[in-house]
Amino acid sequence: MTIENQGQVLVGLDEVDTWLYQLNPWPGDILDEQKMLEAGQGHYRWPGVRGVSNRMIETKNVEIEPGETQDFAFDFVFDIGIRTVILYSYVNNPTKKAGIGWNLSTIYEMEG
């Protein structure tokens, strides 16, 4: 993950998270509307690619200068049969209340 500071002030980070979810082949219960409603989310909860699918980096000493970038590396191991995944990333904004930050979902199709 590459984070770019496009602003005019120094950005300090405290936590960078990413989750990897299986999209294709479709999970067997994708059409289970009851599961969606019980979760209380209003959307389908995609399964992690393998058990715990979250990776977190504590970045308490990371600061990104205006116009600069910072790279973060995350590794995931998953079955070769998974053809498409959703990578959801979240960067917490330490100057705001908990849960306020920046997020991005990216879909990747595996080759071959």
N, C-alpha and C. Protein backbone atom coordinates (compact mmCIF):
# COMPACT_ATOMS: atom_id res chain seq x y z
N MET A 1 0.85 -1.15 0.00
CA MET A 1 0.00 0.00 0.00
C MET A 1 0.90 1.23 0.00
N THR A 2 0.58 2.18 -0.84
CA THR A 2 1.31 3.43 -0.89
C THR A 2 0.36 4.55 -0.46
N ILE A 3 0.78 5.33 0.52
CA ILE A 3 0.00 6.46 0.99
C ILE A 3 0.72 7.73 0.56
N GLU A 4 -0.03 8.62 -0.09
CA GLU A 4 0.53 9.87 -0.57
C GLU A 4 -0.10 11.03 0.17
N ASN A 5 0.71 11.94 0.65
CA ASN A 5 0.23 13.15 1.29
C ASN A 5 0.12 14.24 0.22
N GLN A 6 -1.11 14.47 -0.24
CA GLN A 6 -1.34 15.48 -1.27
C GLN A 6 -1.67 16.84 -0.68
N GLY A 7 -1.66 16.93 0.65
CA GLY A 7 -1.99 18.18 1.32
C GLY A 7 -0.78 19.07 1.52
N GLN A 8 -0.99 20.10 2.33
CA GLN A 8 0.05 21.10 2.58
C GLN A 8 0.65 21.00 3.99
N VAL A 9 0.18 20.03 4.79
CA VAL A 9 0.67 19.88 6.16
C VAL A 9 1.20 18.46 6.38
N LEU A 10 2.05 18.32 7.37
CA LEU A 10 2.59 17.03 7.76
C LEU A 10 1.46 16.13 8.25
N VAL A 11 1.45 14.85 7.81
CA VAL A 11 0.43 13.90 8.24
C VAL A 11 1.11 12.84 9.11
N GLY A 12 0.61 12.70 10.35
CA GLY A 12 1.09 11.65 11.23
C GLY A 12 0.10 10.49 11.22
N LEU A 13 0.60 9.29 11.25
CA LEU A 13 -0.26 8.10 11.23
C LEU A 13 -0.09 7.31 12.51
N ASP A 14 -1.14 6.58 12.91
CA ASP A 14 -0.99 5.70 14.06
C ASP A 14 -1.34 4.25 13.74
N GLU A 15 -2.08 4.02 12.65
CA GLU A 15 -2.46 2.64 12.32
C GLU A 15 -2.86 2.55 10.86
N VAL A 16 -2.39 1.49 10.20
CA VAL A 16 -2.75 1.19 8.82
C VAL A 16 -3.25 -0.26 8.80
N ASP A 17 -4.46 -0.48 8.30
CA ASP A 17 -5.06 -1.81 8.27
C ASP A 17 -5.40 -2.20 6.85
N THR A 18 -5.36 -3.50 6.60
CA THR A 18 -5.85 -4.01 5.32
C THR A 18 -6.46 -5.39 5.54
N TRP A 19 -7.52 -5.67 4.79
CA TRP A 19 -8.23 -6.95 4.86
C TRP A 19 -8.32 -7.51 3.45
N LEU A 20 -8.24 -8.83 3.33
CA LEU A 20 -8.34 -9.50 2.04
C LEU A 20 -9.51 -10.47 2.09
N TYR A 21 -10.46 -10.28 1.19
CA TYR A 21 -11.68 -11.09 1.15
C TYR A 21 -11.80 -11.84 -0.17
N GLN A 22 -12.32 -13.04 -0.10
CA GLN A 22 -12.57 -13.86 -1.29
C GLN A 22 -13.83 -13.38 -1.99
N LEU A 23 -13.71 -13.13 -3.28
CA LEU A 23 -14.86 -12.71 -4.09
C LEU A 23 -15.27 -13.80 -5.08
N ASN A 24 -14.29 -14.45 -5.71
CA ASN A 24 -14.59 -15.47 -6.71
C ASN A 24 -13.58 -16.61 -6.55
N PRO A 25 -14.00 -17.85 -6.41
CA PRO A 25 -15.37 -18.33 -6.58
C PRO A 25 -16.27 -17.82 -5.45
N TRP A 26 -17.53 -17.62 -5.82
CA TRP A 26 -18.51 -17.09 -4.89
C TRP A 26 -18.64 -17.99 -3.66
N PRO A 27 -18.72 -17.40 -2.47
CA PRO A 27 -19.00 -18.20 -1.28
C PRO A 27 -20.37 -18.85 -1.40
N GLY A 28 -20.53 -20.05 -0.84
CA GLY A 28 -21.77 -20.81 -0.98
C GLY A 28 -23.01 -20.12 -0.43
N ASP A 29 -22.84 -19.23 0.56
CA ASP A 29 -24.01 -18.61 1.18
C ASP A 29 -24.25 -17.17 0.71
N ILE A 30 -23.71 -16.80 -0.45
CA ILE A 30 -23.83 -15.42 -0.91
C ILE A 30 -25.27 -14.97 -1.11
N LEU A 31 -26.16 -15.90 -1.41
CA LEU A 31 -27.57 -15.54 -1.63
C LEU A 31 -28.42 -15.67 -0.37
N ASP A 32 -27.78 -15.91 0.78
CA ASP A 32 -28.50 -16.06 2.04
C ASP A 32 -28.82 -14.68 2.62
N GLU A 33 -29.99 -14.15 2.26
CA GLU A 33 -30.39 -12.82 2.71
C GLU A 33 -30.50 -12.75 4.23
N GLN A 34 -30.91 -13.84 4.87
CA GLN A 34 -31.04 -13.86 6.32
C GLN A 34 -29.69 -13.61 7.00
N LYS A 35 -28.64 -14.21 6.47
CA LYS A 35 -27.31 -13.99 7.03
C LYS A 35 -26.93 -12.52 6.95
N MET A 36 -27.26 -11.89 5.84
CA MET A 36 -26.96 -10.48 5.67
C MET A 36 -27.72 -9.64 6.70
N LEU A 37 -29.01 -9.95 6.92
CA LEU A 37 -29.82 -9.18 7.86
C LEU A 37 -29.38 -9.41 9.30
N GLU A 38 -29.00 -10.65 9.64
CA GLU A 38 -28.56 -10.95 10.99
C GLU A 38 -27.27 -10.22 11.33
N ALA A 39 -26.43 -10.03 10.37
CA ALA A 39 -25.17 -9.33 10.61
C ALA A 39 -25.41 -7.86 10.92
N GLY A 40 -26.58 -7.33 10.55
CA GLY A 40 -26.92 -5.95 10.84
C GLY A 40 -26.13 -4.94 10.03
N GLN A 41 -25.51 -5.39 8.97
CA GLN A 41 -24.67 -4.50 8.19
C GLN A 41 -25.35 -3.97 6.93
N GLY A 42 -26.38 -4.67 6.44
CA GLY A 42 -27.03 -4.25 5.20
C GLY A 42 -26.25 -4.61 3.97
N HIS A 43 -25.16 -5.32 4.15
CA HIS A 43 -24.39 -5.80 3.00
C HIS A 43 -23.80 -7.16 3.34
N TYR A 44 -23.41 -7.88 2.33
CA TYR A 44 -22.85 -9.22 2.53
C TYR A 44 -21.48 -9.12 3.19
N ARG A 45 -21.23 -9.95 4.17
CA ARG A 45 -19.93 -9.99 4.83
C ARG A 45 -19.04 -11.02 4.10
N TRP A 46 -18.21 -10.55 3.21
CA TRP A 46 -17.34 -11.44 2.45
C TRP A 46 -16.42 -12.19 3.39
N PRO A 47 -16.18 -13.48 3.11
CA PRO A 47 -15.28 -14.24 3.98
C PRO A 47 -13.82 -13.87 3.71
N GLY A 48 -13.01 -13.92 4.77
CA GLY A 48 -11.59 -13.71 4.60
C GLY A 48 -11.01 -14.82 3.75
N VAL A 49 -9.93 -14.54 3.06
CA VAL A 49 -9.35 -15.54 2.16
C VAL A 49 -8.86 -16.76 2.91
N ARG A 50 -8.52 -16.59 4.18
CA ARG A 50 -8.01 -17.73 4.95
C ARG A 50 -7.96 -17.33 6.42
N GLY A 51 -8.93 -17.78 7.17
CA GLY A 51 -8.93 -17.49 8.60
C GLY A 51 -8.91 -15.99 8.87
N VAL A 52 -7.89 -15.54 9.57
CA VAL A 52 -7.74 -14.12 9.87
C VAL A 52 -7.18 -13.43 8.64
N SER A 53 -7.97 -12.55 8.06
CA SER A 53 -7.55 -11.92 6.82
C SER A 53 -7.12 -10.48 7.01
N ASN A 54 -6.95 -10.05 8.26
CA ASN A 54 -6.56 -8.67 8.56
C ASN A 54 -5.08 -8.59 8.87
N ARG A 55 -4.46 -7.55 8.36
CA ARG A 55 -3.08 -7.24 8.72
C ARG A 55 -3.05 -5.78 9.16
N MET A 56 -2.36 -5.51 10.27
CA MET A 56 -2.29 -4.15 10.80
C MET A 56 -0.84 -3.78 11.04
N ILE A 57 -0.53 -2.54 10.75
CA ILE A 57 0.79 -2.01 11.06
C ILE A 57 0.58 -0.80 11.96
N GLU A 58 1.18 -0.83 13.15
CA GLU A 58 1.14 0.34 14.02
C GLU A 58 2.22 1.31 13.54
N THR A 59 1.80 2.53 13.30
CA THR A 59 2.69 3.49 12.65
C THR A 59 2.86 4.75 13.48
N LYS A 60 2.96 4.60 14.80
CA LYS A 60 2.97 5.75 15.69
C LYS A 60 4.08 6.76 15.40
N ASN A 61 5.15 6.34 14.80
CA ASN A 61 6.25 7.26 14.51
C ASN A 61 6.35 7.63 13.04
N VAL A 62 5.34 7.28 12.25
CA VAL A 62 5.39 7.57 10.82
C VAL A 62 4.75 8.93 10.55
N GLU A 63 5.49 9.77 9.86
CA GLU A 63 4.98 11.07 9.43
C GLU A 63 5.28 11.19 7.93
N ILE A 64 4.30 11.71 7.20
CA ILE A 64 4.47 11.87 5.75
C ILE A 64 4.44 13.36 5.44
N GLU A 65 5.52 13.84 4.87
CA GLU A 65 5.64 15.26 4.50
C GLU A 65 4.72 15.58 3.32
N PRO A 66 4.31 16.84 3.17
CA PRO A 66 3.51 17.22 2.00
C PRO A 66 4.22 16.84 0.70
N GLY A 67 3.48 16.21 -0.21
CA GLY A 67 4.03 15.80 -1.50
C GLY A 67 4.83 14.50 -1.46
N GLU A 68 4.98 13.89 -0.30
CA GLU A 68 5.76 12.66 -0.17
C GLU A 68 4.84 11.45 -0.09
N THR A 69 5.43 10.25 -0.24
CA THR A 69 4.69 8.99 -0.13
C THR A 69 5.36 8.08 0.89
N GLN A 70 4.59 7.11 1.38
CA GLN A 70 5.11 6.09 2.30
C GLN A 70 4.54 4.75 1.87
N ASP A 71 5.39 3.74 1.73
CA ASP A 71 4.95 2.40 1.36
C ASP A 71 4.82 1.52 2.59
N PHE A 72 3.78 0.65 2.58
CA PHE A 72 3.56 -0.35 3.61
C PHE A 72 3.35 -1.69 2.91
N ALA A 73 4.01 -2.74 3.38
CA ALA A 73 3.91 -4.05 2.74
C ALA A 73 3.08 -4.99 3.61
N PHE A 74 2.16 -5.72 2.97
CA PHE A 74 1.31 -6.71 3.62
C PHE A 74 1.41 -8.00 2.84
N ASP A 75 1.53 -9.13 3.52
CA ASP A 75 1.58 -10.43 2.87
C ASP A 75 0.36 -11.25 3.26
N PHE A 76 -0.23 -11.92 2.27
CA PHE A 76 -1.35 -12.82 2.49
C PHE A 76 -1.07 -14.13 1.77
N VAL A 77 -1.41 -15.24 2.40
CA VAL A 77 -1.28 -16.56 1.79
C VAL A 77 -2.69 -17.10 1.63
N PHE A 78 -3.02 -17.56 0.41
CA PHE A 78 -4.35 -18.11 0.20
C PHE A 78 -4.32 -19.15 -0.90
N ASP A 79 -5.40 -19.93 -0.98
CA ASP A 79 -5.52 -21.04 -1.89
C ASP A 79 -5.42 -20.59 -3.35
N ILE A 80 -4.76 -21.39 -4.15
CA ILE A 80 -4.57 -21.06 -5.56
C ILE A 80 -5.89 -21.03 -6.34
N GLY A 81 -6.94 -21.66 -5.79
CA GLY A 81 -8.23 -21.68 -6.46
C GLY A 81 -9.01 -20.37 -6.38
N ILE A 82 -8.57 -19.45 -5.55
CA ILE A 82 -9.25 -18.15 -5.45
C ILE A 82 -8.84 -17.31 -6.65
N ARG A 83 -9.84 -16.87 -7.40
CA ARG A 83 -9.57 -16.14 -8.65
C ARG A 83 -9.70 -14.63 -8.51
N THR A 84 -10.57 -14.16 -7.59
CA THR A 84 -10.78 -12.73 -7.43
C THR A 84 -10.87 -12.40 -5.95
N VAL A 85 -10.23 -11.32 -5.54
CA VAL A 85 -10.26 -10.89 -4.15
C VAL A 85 -10.59 -9.40 -4.07
N ILE A 86 -11.10 -9.02 -2.91
CA ILE A 86 -11.30 -7.61 -2.59
C ILE A 86 -10.28 -7.26 -1.51
N LEU A 87 -9.51 -6.24 -1.75
CA LEU A 87 -8.56 -5.74 -0.76
C LEU A 87 -9.14 -4.44 -0.21
N TYR A 88 -9.48 -4.45 1.08
CA TYR A 88 -10.02 -3.27 1.73
C TYR A 88 -8.95 -2.70 2.64
N SER A 89 -8.62 -1.44 2.46
CA SER A 89 -7.58 -0.79 3.26
C SER A 89 -8.16 0.39 4.01
N TYR A 90 -7.65 0.59 5.22
CA TYR A 90 -8.12 1.69 6.07
C TYR A 90 -6.93 2.32 6.78
N VAL A 91 -6.87 3.63 6.73
CA VAL A 91 -5.84 4.39 7.43
C VAL A 91 -6.56 5.29 8.43
N ASN A 92 -6.28 5.07 9.71
CA ASN A 92 -6.91 5.87 10.76
C ASN A 92 -6.34 7.28 10.76
N ASN A 93 -7.21 8.27 11.01
CA ASN A 93 -6.77 9.65 11.15
C ASN A 93 -6.63 9.92 12.65
N PRO A 94 -5.41 10.00 13.17
CA PRO A 94 -5.21 10.13 14.62
C PRO A 94 -5.66 11.47 15.19
N THR A 95 -5.92 12.45 14.35
CA THR A 95 -6.37 13.75 14.86
C THR A 95 -7.88 13.83 15.01
N LYS A 96 -8.60 12.78 14.60
CA LYS A 96 -10.06 12.74 14.70
C LYS A 96 -10.49 11.65 15.67
N LYS A 97 -11.81 11.59 15.90
CA LYS A 97 -12.36 10.53 16.74
C LYS A 97 -12.06 9.17 16.11
N ALA A 98 -12.07 8.13 16.95
CA ALA A 98 -11.81 6.78 16.46
C ALA A 98 -12.80 6.42 15.34
N GLY A 99 -12.31 5.74 14.34
CA GLY A 99 -13.16 5.31 13.24
C GLY A 99 -13.29 6.30 12.10
N ILE A 100 -12.57 7.42 12.21
CA ILE A 100 -12.60 8.40 11.12
C ILE A 100 -11.23 8.38 10.45
N GLY A 101 -11.24 8.11 9.16
CA GLY A 101 -9.98 8.04 8.43
C GLY A 101 -10.24 7.92 6.95
N TRP A 102 -9.34 7.24 6.26
CA TRP A 102 -9.43 7.09 4.82
C TRP A 102 -9.50 5.60 4.49
N ASN A 103 -10.35 5.24 3.52
CA ASN A 103 -10.45 3.83 3.14
C ASN A 103 -10.50 3.70 1.63
N LEU A 104 -10.20 2.48 1.19
CA LEU A 104 -10.19 2.18 -0.24
C LEU A 104 -10.43 0.70 -0.43
N SER A 105 -11.33 0.34 -1.34
CA SER A 105 -11.54 -1.05 -1.74
C SER A 105 -11.03 -1.23 -3.15
N THR A 106 -10.25 -2.28 -3.36
CA THR A 106 -9.69 -2.58 -4.67
C THR A 106 -9.96 -4.04 -4.99
N ILE A 107 -10.41 -4.32 -6.22
CA ILE A 107 -10.68 -5.69 -6.64
C ILE A 107 -9.53 -6.14 -7.54
N TYR A 108 -9.00 -7.33 -7.24
CA TYR A 108 -7.90 -7.91 -8.03
C TYR A 108 -8.34 -9.25 -8.59
N GLU A 109 -8.09 -9.45 -9.88
CA GLU A 109 -8.31 -10.75 -10.52
C GLU A 109 -6.94 -11.39 -10.73
N MET A 110 -6.84 -12.66 -10.31
CA MET A 110 -5.58 -13.37 -10.45
C MET A 110 -5.43 -13.88 -11.90
N GLU A 111 -4.23 -13.90 -12.38
CA GLU A 111 -3.98 -14.40 -13.73
C GLU A 111 -3.88 -15.91 -13.71
N GLY A 112 -4.20 -16.49 -14.86
CA GLY A 112 -3.93 -17.87 -15.07
C GLY A 112 -4.95 -18.81 -14.65
